[in-house]
């Protein structure tokens, strides 16, 4: 791993020379932070991202020896599809990881996006009211700079912890996302950025161009784990 300089908004860029090393590094950090949180506060809460790179990390986690009874799982966003649809983030996490470990079902908080964007967002906002500051948030970066389901040129109501998303530029058009402000209420954020298609978004981010990913500014800053992008 080669670590680049911090940027003006407390963003730490970490470049990896293989996708395997990135995945294992993310897995190792999650395990370390989970053990620390459980030792200090008796629980570990993590917000999951969708996508292929997180899926590979989740597959690594299922083989870790861990006190899973202290874990609390949330999702950064979800597509408004039936809960058994192949494109649901919750189903991906279940199949890749959660079905293999002993996290109590009551501590796995899926977004009820099958209710539709408005009702589902309202229900998830109620769930999030019972959640303290997250210990860790995992996020991806879209080619257009979006993260979770916060898209360019979309205005969302940040007074709510979870927000409905309409007219998404990526199908399906209707989604639910944890809001910018609630994602910022965390002790740690890790962005997983892989693929040459993300280069323009990374360039914009590093040059200070406003993209949705730059809305994520928790007190401790963010770590961006990169592969197949150039950190100019």
C-alpha atoms as a PDB file:
ATOM      1  CA  UNK A   1       0.000   0.000   0.000  1.00  0.00           C
ATOM      2  CA  UNK A   2       1.176   3.510  -0.803  1.00  0.00           C
ATOM      3  CA  UNK A   3      -0.421   6.272   1.255  1.00  0.00           C
ATOM      4  CA  UNK A   4      -0.833   9.608  -0.455  1.00  0.00           C
ATOM      5  CA  UNK A   5      -1.045  12.951   1.271  1.00  0.00           C
ATOM      6  CA  UNK A   6      -4.028  14.148   3.208  1.00  0.00           C
ATOM      7  CA  UNK A   7      -6.164  16.647   1.322  1.00  0.00           C
ATOM      8  CA  UNK A   8      -7.628  19.868   2.627  1.00  0.00           C
ATOM      9  CA  UNK A   9     -10.815  18.269   3.910  1.00  0.00           C
ATOM     10  CA  UNK A  10      -9.107  15.632   6.083  1.00  0.00           C
ATOM     11  CA  UNK A  11      -9.322  12.891   3.482  1.00  0.00           C
ATOM     12  CA  UNK A  12      -6.639  10.219   3.682  1.00  0.00           C
ATOM     13  CA  UNK A  13      -5.952   8.525   0.348  1.00  0.00           C
ATOM     14  CA  UNK A  14      -4.571   4.979   0.385  1.00  0.00           C
ATOM     15  CA  UNK A  15      -3.571   3.319  -2.881  1.00  0.00           C
ATOM     16  CA  UNK A  16      -3.217  -0.463  -3.186  1.00  0.00           C
ATOM     17  CA  UNK A  17      -1.355  -2.372  -5.865  1.00  0.00           C
ATOM     18  CA  UNK A  18      -3.797  -5.294  -5.848  1.00  0.00           C
ATOM     19  CA  UNK A  19      -7.486  -5.740  -5.200  1.00  0.00           C
ATOM     20  CA  UNK A  20      -6.659  -8.592  -2.840  1.00  0.00           C
ATOM     21  CA  UNK A  21      -4.534  -6.402  -0.596  1.00  0.00           C
ATOM     22  CA  UNK A  22      -7.256  -3.758  -0.504  1.00  0.00           C
ATOM     23  CA  UNK A  23      -9.920  -6.283   0.472  1.00  0.00           C
ATOM     24  CA  UNK A  24      -7.803  -7.847   3.190  1.00  0.00           C
ATOM     25  CA  UNK A  25      -6.795  -4.448   4.573  1.00  0.00           C
ATOM     26  CA  UNK A  26     -10.423  -3.356   4.836  1.00  0.00           C
ATOM     27  CA  UNK A  27     -11.346  -6.632   6.504  1.00  0.00           C
ATOM     28  CA  UNK A  28      -8.498  -6.261   8.990  1.00  0.00           C
ATOM     29  CA  UNK A  29      -9.518  -2.707   9.892  1.00  0.00           C
ATOM     30  CA  UNK A  30     -13.149  -3.716  10.406  1.00  0.00           C
ATOM     31  CA  UNK A  31     -12.114  -6.560  12.725  1.00  0.00           C
ATOM     32  CA  UNK A  32      -9.759  -4.309  14.675  1.00  0.00           C
ATOM     33  CA  UNK A  33     -12.342  -1.564  15.128  1.00  0.00           C
ATOM     34  CA  UNK A  34     -15.011  -4.079  16.075  1.00  0.00           C
ATOM     35  CA  UNK A  35     -12.840  -5.577  18.806  1.00  0.00           C
ATOM     36  CA  UNK A  36     -11.979  -2.099  20.104  1.00  0.00           C
ATOM     37  CA  UNK A  37     -15.603  -0.963  20.117  1.00  0.00           C
ATOM     38  CA  UNK A  38     -16.835  -4.100  21.845  1.00  0.00           C
ATOM     39  CA  UNK A  39     -14.105  -3.787  24.480  1.00  0.00           C
ATOM     40  CA  UNK A  40     -14.864  -0.102  25.079  1.00  0.00           C
ATOM     41  CA  UNK A  41     -18.628   0.147  24.587  1.00  0.00           C
ATOM     42  CA  UNK A  42     -19.952  -3.399  24.463  1.00  0.00           C
ATOM     43  CA  UNK A  43     -21.174  -3.191  20.875  1.00  0.00           C
ATOM     44  CA  UNK A  44     -20.080  -2.481  17.305  1.00  0.00           C
ATOM     45  CA  UNK A  45     -22.316  -0.800  14.731  1.00  0.00           C
ATOM     46  CA  UNK A  46     -21.429  -0.747  11.044  1.00  0.00           C
ATOM     47  CA  UNK A  47     -23.179   0.662   7.994  1.00  0.00           C
ATOM     48  CA  UNK A  48     -22.705  -1.532   4.926  1.00  0.00           C
ATOM     49  CA  UNK A  49     -22.178  -0.555   1.305  1.00  0.00           C
ATOM     50  CA  UNK A  50     -23.368  -2.443  -1.740  1.00  0.00           C
ATOM     51  CA  UNK A  51     -21.225  -3.459  -4.691  1.00  0.00           C
ATOM     52  CA  UNK A  52     -18.703  -6.078  -5.732  1.00  0.00           C
ATOM     53  CA  UNK A  53     -15.755  -4.880  -3.660  1.00  0.00           C
ATOM     54  CA  UNK A  54     -17.729  -4.823  -0.392  1.00  0.00           C
ATOM     55  CA  UNK A  55     -19.150  -8.253  -1.255  1.00  0.00           C
ATOM     56  CA  UNK A  56     -15.621  -9.663  -1.378  1.00  0.00           C
ATOM     57  CA  UNK A  57     -14.828  -8.064   1.987  1.00  0.00           C
ATOM     58  CA  UNK A  58     -17.983  -9.567   3.497  1.00  0.00           C
ATOM     59  CA  UNK A  59     -16.932 -13.016   2.303  1.00  0.00           C
ATOM     60  CA  UNK A  60     -13.658 -12.586   4.171  1.00  0.00           C
ATOM     61  CA  UNK A  61     -15.476 -11.520   7.342  1.00  0.00           C
ATOM     62  CA  UNK A  62     -17.542 -14.673   7.537  1.00  0.00           C
ATOM     63  CA  UNK A  63     -14.422 -16.684   8.381  1.00  0.00           C
ATOM     64  CA  UNK A  64     -13.322 -14.394  11.232  1.00  0.00           C
ATOM     65  CA  UNK A  65     -13.591 -15.550  14.841  1.00  0.00           C
ATOM     66  CA  UNK A  66     -15.565 -12.801  16.497  1.00  0.00           C
ATOM     67  CA  UNK A  67     -18.150 -12.097  19.185  1.00  0.00           C
ATOM     68  CA  UNK A  68     -20.872 -11.580  16.607  1.00  0.00           C
ATOM     69  CA  UNK A  69     -23.536 -11.159  19.295  1.00  0.00           C
ATOM     70  CA  UNK A  70     -22.321  -7.580  19.828  1.00  0.00           C
ATOM     71  CA  UNK A  71     -22.588  -6.497  16.177  1.00  0.00           C
ATOM     72  CA  UNK A  72     -25.320  -4.202  14.804  1.00  0.00           C
ATOM     73  CA  UNK A  73     -25.735  -4.025  11.025  1.00  0.00           C
ATOM     74  CA  UNK A  74     -27.198  -1.148   9.023  1.00  0.00           C
ATOM     75  CA  UNK A  75     -27.274  -0.326   5.305  1.00  0.00           C
ATOM     76  CA  UNK A  76     -26.290   2.960   3.700  1.00  0.00           C
ATOM     77  CA  UNK A  77     -28.898   2.692   0.981  1.00  0.00           C
ATOM     78  CA  UNK A  78     -31.291   0.296  -0.671  1.00  0.00           C
ATOM     79  CA  UNK A  79     -33.185  -0.120  -3.909  1.00  0.00           C
ATOM     80  CA  UNK A  80     -36.972  -0.117  -3.754  1.00  0.00           C
ATOM     81  CA  UNK A  81     -37.418  -3.717  -4.849  1.00  0.00           C
ATOM     82  CA  UNK A  82     -38.939  -6.818  -3.228  1.00  0.00           C
ATOM     83  CA  UNK A  83     -36.818  -7.940  -0.278  1.00  0.00           C
ATOM     84  CA  UNK A  84     -35.828 -11.161  -2.067  1.00  0.00           C
ATOM     85  CA  UNK A  85     -34.757  -9.392  -5.276  1.00  0.00           C
ATOM     86  CA  UNK A  86     -31.261 -10.220  -6.505  1.00  0.00           C
ATOM     87  CA  UNK A  87     -30.353  -6.503  -6.667  1.00  0.00           C
ATOM     88  CA  UNK A  88     -31.108  -5.783  -3.009  1.00  0.00           C
ATOM     89  CA  UNK A  89     -28.050  -4.794  -0.963  1.00  0.00           C
ATOM     90  CA  UNK A  90     -29.495  -6.585   2.057  1.00  0.00           C
ATOM     91  CA  UNK A  91     -29.768  -9.859   0.134  1.00  0.00           C
ATOM     92  CA  UNK A  92     -26.181  -9.553  -1.084  1.00  0.00           C
ATOM     93  CA  UNK A  93     -24.894  -9.046   2.467  1.00  0.00           C
ATOM     94  CA  UNK A  94     -27.009 -11.942   3.721  1.00  0.00           C
ATOM     95  CA  UNK A  95     -25.756 -14.349   1.075  1.00  0.00           C
ATOM     96  CA  UNK A  96     -22.111 -13.272   1.223  1.00  0.00           C
ATOM     97  CA  UNK A  97     -21.710 -13.023   4.989  1.00  0.00           C
ATOM     98  CA  UNK A  98     -24.561 -12.635   7.436  1.00  0.00           C
ATOM     99  CA  UNK A  99     -26.104 -16.073   7.008  1.00  0.00           C
ATOM    100  CA  UNK A 100     -22.791 -17.596   8.114  1.00  0.00           C
ATOM    101  CA  UNK A 101     -22.366 -15.722  11.413  1.00  0.00           C
ATOM    102  CA  UNK A 102     -24.324 -15.516  14.653  1.00  0.00           C
ATOM    103  CA  UNK A 103     -25.456 -11.896  14.642  1.00  0.00           C
ATOM    104  CA  UNK A 104     -28.912 -11.825  16.259  1.00  0.00           C
ATOM    105  CA  UNK A 105     -31.616 -11.176  13.687  1.00  0.00           C
ATOM    106  CA  UNK A 106     -32.902  -8.269  15.798  1.00  0.00           C
ATOM    107  CA  UNK A 107     -29.519  -6.553  15.308  1.00  0.00           C
ATOM    108  CA  UNK A 108     -29.564  -6.737  11.500  1.00  0.00           C
ATOM    109  CA  UNK A 109     -31.430  -3.632  10.424  1.00  0.00           C
ATOM    110  CA  UNK A 110     -32.391  -3.938   6.758  1.00  0.00           C
ATOM    111  CA  UNK A 111     -33.976  -0.954   5.046  1.00  0.00           C
ATOM    112  CA  UNK A 112     -37.647  -1.843   4.337  1.00  0.00           C
ATOM    113  CA  UNK A 113     -37.417  -0.484   0.792  1.00  0.00           C
ATOM    114  CA  UNK A 114     -40.118  -2.891  -0.370  1.00  0.00           C
ATOM    115  CA  UNK A 115     -42.551  -0.440   1.288  1.00  0.00           C
ATOM    116  CA  UNK A 116     -41.635   2.207  -1.271  1.00  0.00           C
ATOM    117  CA  UNK A 117     -39.375   5.229  -0.903  1.00  0.00           C
ATOM    118  CA  UNK A 118     -41.528   7.375   1.378  1.00  0.00           C
ATOM    119  CA  UNK A 119     -42.883   4.776   3.788  1.00  0.00           C
ATOM    120  CA  UNK A 120     -39.604   2.852   3.788  1.00  0.00           C
ATOM    121  CA  UNK A 121     -37.535   5.935   4.558  1.00  0.00           C
ATOM    122  CA  UNK A 122     -39.862   6.930   7.368  1.00  0.00           C
ATOM    123  CA  UNK A 123     -39.645   3.456   8.889  1.00  0.00           C
ATOM    124  CA  UNK A 124     -35.841   3.372   8.661  1.00  0.00           C
ATOM    125  CA  UNK A 125     -35.574   6.833  10.191  1.00  0.00           C
ATOM    126  CA  UNK A 126     -37.424   5.423  13.197  1.00  0.00           C
ATOM    127  CA  UNK A 127     -34.952   2.536  13.361  1.00  0.00           C
ATOM    128  CA  UNK A 128     -32.016   4.928  13.236  1.00  0.00           C
ATOM    129  CA  UNK A 129     -33.406   6.970  16.129  1.00  0.00           C
ATOM    130  CA  UNK A 130     -32.457   4.044  18.349  1.00  0.00           C
ATOM    131  CA  UNK A 131     -28.913   3.883  16.998  1.00  0.00           C
ATOM    132  CA  UNK A 132     -26.081   5.773  18.636  1.00  0.00           C
ATOM    133  CA  UNK A 133     -23.142   7.194  16.710  1.00  0.00           C
ATOM    134  CA  UNK A 134     -22.058   4.566  14.185  1.00  0.00           C
ATOM    135  CA  UNK A 135     -18.670   2.991  14.746  1.00  0.00           C
ATOM    136  CA  UNK A 136     -17.962   2.581  11.044  1.00  0.00           C
ATOM    137  CA  UNK A 137     -19.544   3.497   7.714  1.00  0.00           C
ATOM    138  CA  UNK A 138     -18.510   1.762   4.495  1.00  0.00           C
ATOM    139  CA  UNK A 139     -19.201   3.657   1.280  1.00  0.00           C
ATOM    140  CA  UNK A 140     -18.548   3.323  -2.427  1.00  0.00           C
ATOM    141  CA  UNK A 141     -18.017   5.933  -5.115  1.00  0.00           C
ATOM    142  CA  UNK A 142     -19.963   6.045  -8.360  1.00  0.00           C
ATOM    143  CA  UNK A 143     -18.551   7.192 -11.674  1.00  0.00           C
ATOM    144  CA  UNK A 144     -20.647  10.357 -11.290  1.00  0.00           C
ATOM    145  CA  UNK A 145     -19.344  10.947  -7.769  1.00  0.00           C
ATOM    146  CA  UNK A 146     -22.394   9.622  -5.942  1.00  0.00           C
ATOM    147  CA  UNK A 147     -22.166   7.695  -2.710  1.00  0.00           C
ATOM    148  CA  UNK A 148     -24.869   5.605  -1.030  1.00  0.00           C
ATOM    149  CA  UNK A 149     -27.864   6.873  -3.050  1.00  0.00           C
ATOM    150  CA  UNK A 150     -26.894  10.531  -2.804  1.00  0.00           C
ATOM    151  CA  UNK A 151     -26.663  11.609  -6.445  1.00  0.00           C
ATOM    152  CA  UNK A 152     -25.419  14.787  -8.131  1.00  0.00           C
ATOM    153  CA  UNK A 153     -28.004  17.553  -8.482  1.00  0.00           C
ATOM    154  CA  UNK A 154     -30.425  15.813  -6.122  1.00  0.00           C
ATOM    155  CA  UNK A 155     -31.702  17.729  -3.118  1.00  0.00           C
ATOM    156  CA  UNK A 156     -32.545  15.671  -0.038  1.00  0.00           C
ATOM    157  CA  UNK A 157     -34.026  16.595   3.320  1.00  0.00           C
ATOM    158  CA  UNK A 158     -31.157  16.237   5.755  1.00  0.00           C
ATOM    159  CA  UNK A 159     -33.444  16.822   8.723  1.00  0.00           C
ATOM    160  CA  UNK A 160     -34.318  13.108   8.478  1.00  0.00           C
ATOM    161  CA  UNK A 161     -31.937  10.211   9.141  1.00  0.00           C
ATOM    162  CA  UNK A 162     -33.228   8.283   6.107  1.00  0.00           C
ATOM    163  CA  UNK A 163     -34.527   9.895   2.944  1.00  0.00           C
ATOM    164  CA  UNK A 164     -36.512   8.792  -0.116  1.00  0.00           C
ATOM    165  CA  UNK A 165     -34.734   9.035  -3.460  1.00  0.00           C
ATOM    166  CA  UNK A 166     -36.622   9.538  -6.716  1.00  0.00           C
ATOM    167  CA  UNK A 167     -35.448   9.689 -10.326  1.00  0.00           C
ATOM    168  CA  UNK A 168     -32.151   7.986  -9.645  1.00  0.00           C
ATOM    169  CA  UNK A 169     -29.865   8.146 -12.704  1.00  0.00           C
ATOM    170  CA  UNK A 170     -29.132   4.486 -12.038  1.00  0.00           C
ATOM    171  CA  UNK A 171     -31.996   1.983 -12.049  1.00  0.00           C
ATOM    172  CA  UNK A 172     -34.171   1.478 -10.180  1.00  0.00           C
ATOM    173  CA  UNK A 173     -35.355   5.068 -10.037  1.00  0.00           C
ATOM    174  CA  UNK A 174     -36.702   4.783  -6.502  1.00  0.00           C
ATOM    175  CA  UNK A 175     -34.371   4.181  -3.564  1.00  0.00           C
ATOM    176  CA  UNK A 176     -33.818   4.969   0.096  1.00  0.00           C
ATOM    177  CA  UNK A 177     -30.601   6.391   1.499  1.00  0.00           C
ATOM    178  CA  UNK A 178     -29.274   7.285   4.901  1.00  0.00           C
ATOM    179  CA  UNK A 179     -28.923  11.051   4.801  1.00  0.00           C
ATOM    180  CA  UNK A 180     -25.680  12.974   4.583  1.00  0.00           C
ATOM    181  CA  UNK A 181     -25.953  14.228   8.153  1.00  0.00           C
ATOM    182  CA  UNK A 182     -26.614  10.787   9.616  1.00  0.00           C
ATOM    183  CA  UNK A 183     -23.744   9.219   7.650  1.00  0.00           C
ATOM    184  CA  UNK A 184     -21.496  11.871   9.141  1.00  0.00           C
ATOM    185  CA  UNK A 185     -22.504  10.805  12.655  1.00  0.00           C
ATOM    186  CA  UNK A 186     -19.861   8.093  12.824  1.00  0.00           C
ATOM    187  CA  UNK A 187     -16.464   7.432  14.306  1.00  0.00           C
ATOM    188  CA  UNK A 188     -14.944   6.230  11.035  1.00  0.00           C
ATOM    189  CA  UNK A 189     -15.661   6.227   7.299  1.00  0.00           C
ATOM    190  CA  UNK A 190     -13.985   4.038   4.703  1.00  0.00           C
ATOM    191  CA  UNK A 191     -14.619   4.575   0.997  1.00  0.00           C
ATOM    192  CA  UNK A 192     -13.879   1.590  -1.262  1.00  0.00           C
ATOM    193  CA  UNK A 193     -12.953   2.900  -4.715  1.00  0.00           C
ATOM    194  CA  UNK A 194     -11.945   0.383  -7.376  1.00  0.00           C
ATOM    195  CA  UNK A 195     -11.934   0.458 -11.166  1.00  0.00           C
ATOM    196  CA  UNK A 196     -10.615   2.804 -13.833  1.00  0.00           C
ATOM    197  CA  UNK A 197     -14.125   4.128 -14.394  1.00  0.00           C
ATOM    198  CA  UNK A 198     -13.872   6.009 -11.093  1.00  0.00           C
ATOM    199  CA  UNK A 199     -10.889   8.108 -12.211  1.00  0.00           C
ATOM    200  CA  UNK A 200     -12.832  11.243 -13.139  1.00  0.00           C
ATOM    201  CA  UNK A 201     -14.735  11.229  -9.855  1.00  0.00           C
ATOM    202  CA  UNK A 202     -11.484  10.780  -7.919  1.00  0.00           C
ATOM    203  CA  UNK A 203      -9.841  13.612  -9.867  1.00  0.00           C
ATOM    204  CA  UNK A 204     -12.744  15.914  -9.073  1.00  0.00           C
ATOM    205  CA  UNK A 205     -12.674  14.950  -5.409  1.00  0.00           C
ATOM    206  CA  UNK A 206      -8.950  15.580  -5.085  1.00  0.00           C
ATOM    207  CA  UNK A 207      -9.201  18.936  -6.874  1.00  0.00           C
ATOM    208  CA  UNK A 208     -11.909  20.127  -4.508  1.00  0.00           C
ATOM    209  CA  UNK A 209     -14.796  19.878  -6.978  1.00  0.00           C
ATOM    210  CA  UNK A 210     -18.074  19.362  -5.149  1.00  0.00           C
ATOM    211  CA  UNK A 211     -19.412  15.854  -5.672  1.00  0.00           C
ATOM    212  CA  UNK A 212     -21.800  13.961  -3.376  1.00  0.00           C
ATOM    213  CA  UNK A 213     -18.930  11.982  -1.811  1.00  0.00           C
ATOM    214  CA  UNK A 214     -17.443  15.236  -0.495  1.00  0.00           C
ATOM    215  CA  UNK A 215     -20.575  15.740   1.619  1.00  0.00           C
ATOM    216  CA  UNK A 216     -19.324  12.985   3.901  1.00  0.00           C
ATOM    217  CA  UNK A 217     -17.176  14.897   6.383  1.00  0.00           C
ATOM    218  CA  UNK A 218     -17.248  13.251   9.816  1.00  0.00           C
ATOM    219  CA  UNK A 219     -15.185  14.747  12.607  1.00  0.00           C
ATOM    220  CA  UNK A 220     -12.401  12.198  12.156  1.00  0.00           C
ATOM    221  CA  UNK A 221     -12.213  12.591   8.374  1.00  0.00           C
ATOM    222  CA  UNK A 222     -12.417   9.743   5.883  1.00  0.00           C
ATOM    223  CA  UNK A 223     -10.113   7.067   4.514  1.00  0.00           C
ATOM    224  CA  UNK A 224     -10.320   6.290   0.806  1.00  0.00           C
ATOM    225  CA  UNK A 225      -8.989   2.878  -0.211  1.00  0.00           C
ATOM    226  CA  UNK A 226      -8.203   2.927  -3.934  1.00  0.00           C
ATOM    227  CA  UNK A 227      -7.264   0.420  -6.634  1.00  0.00           C
ATOM    228  CA  UNK A 228      -6.949   1.026 -10.395  1.00  0.00           C
ATOM    229  CA  UNK A 229      -7.129   4.797 -10.038  1.00  0.00           C
ATOM    230  CA  UNK A 230      -4.247   7.261 -10.208  1.00  0.00           C
ATOM    231  CA  UNK A 231      -3.801   9.684  -7.320  1.00  0.00           C
ATOM    232  CA  UNK A 232      -2.489  12.737  -9.147  1.00  0.00           C
END
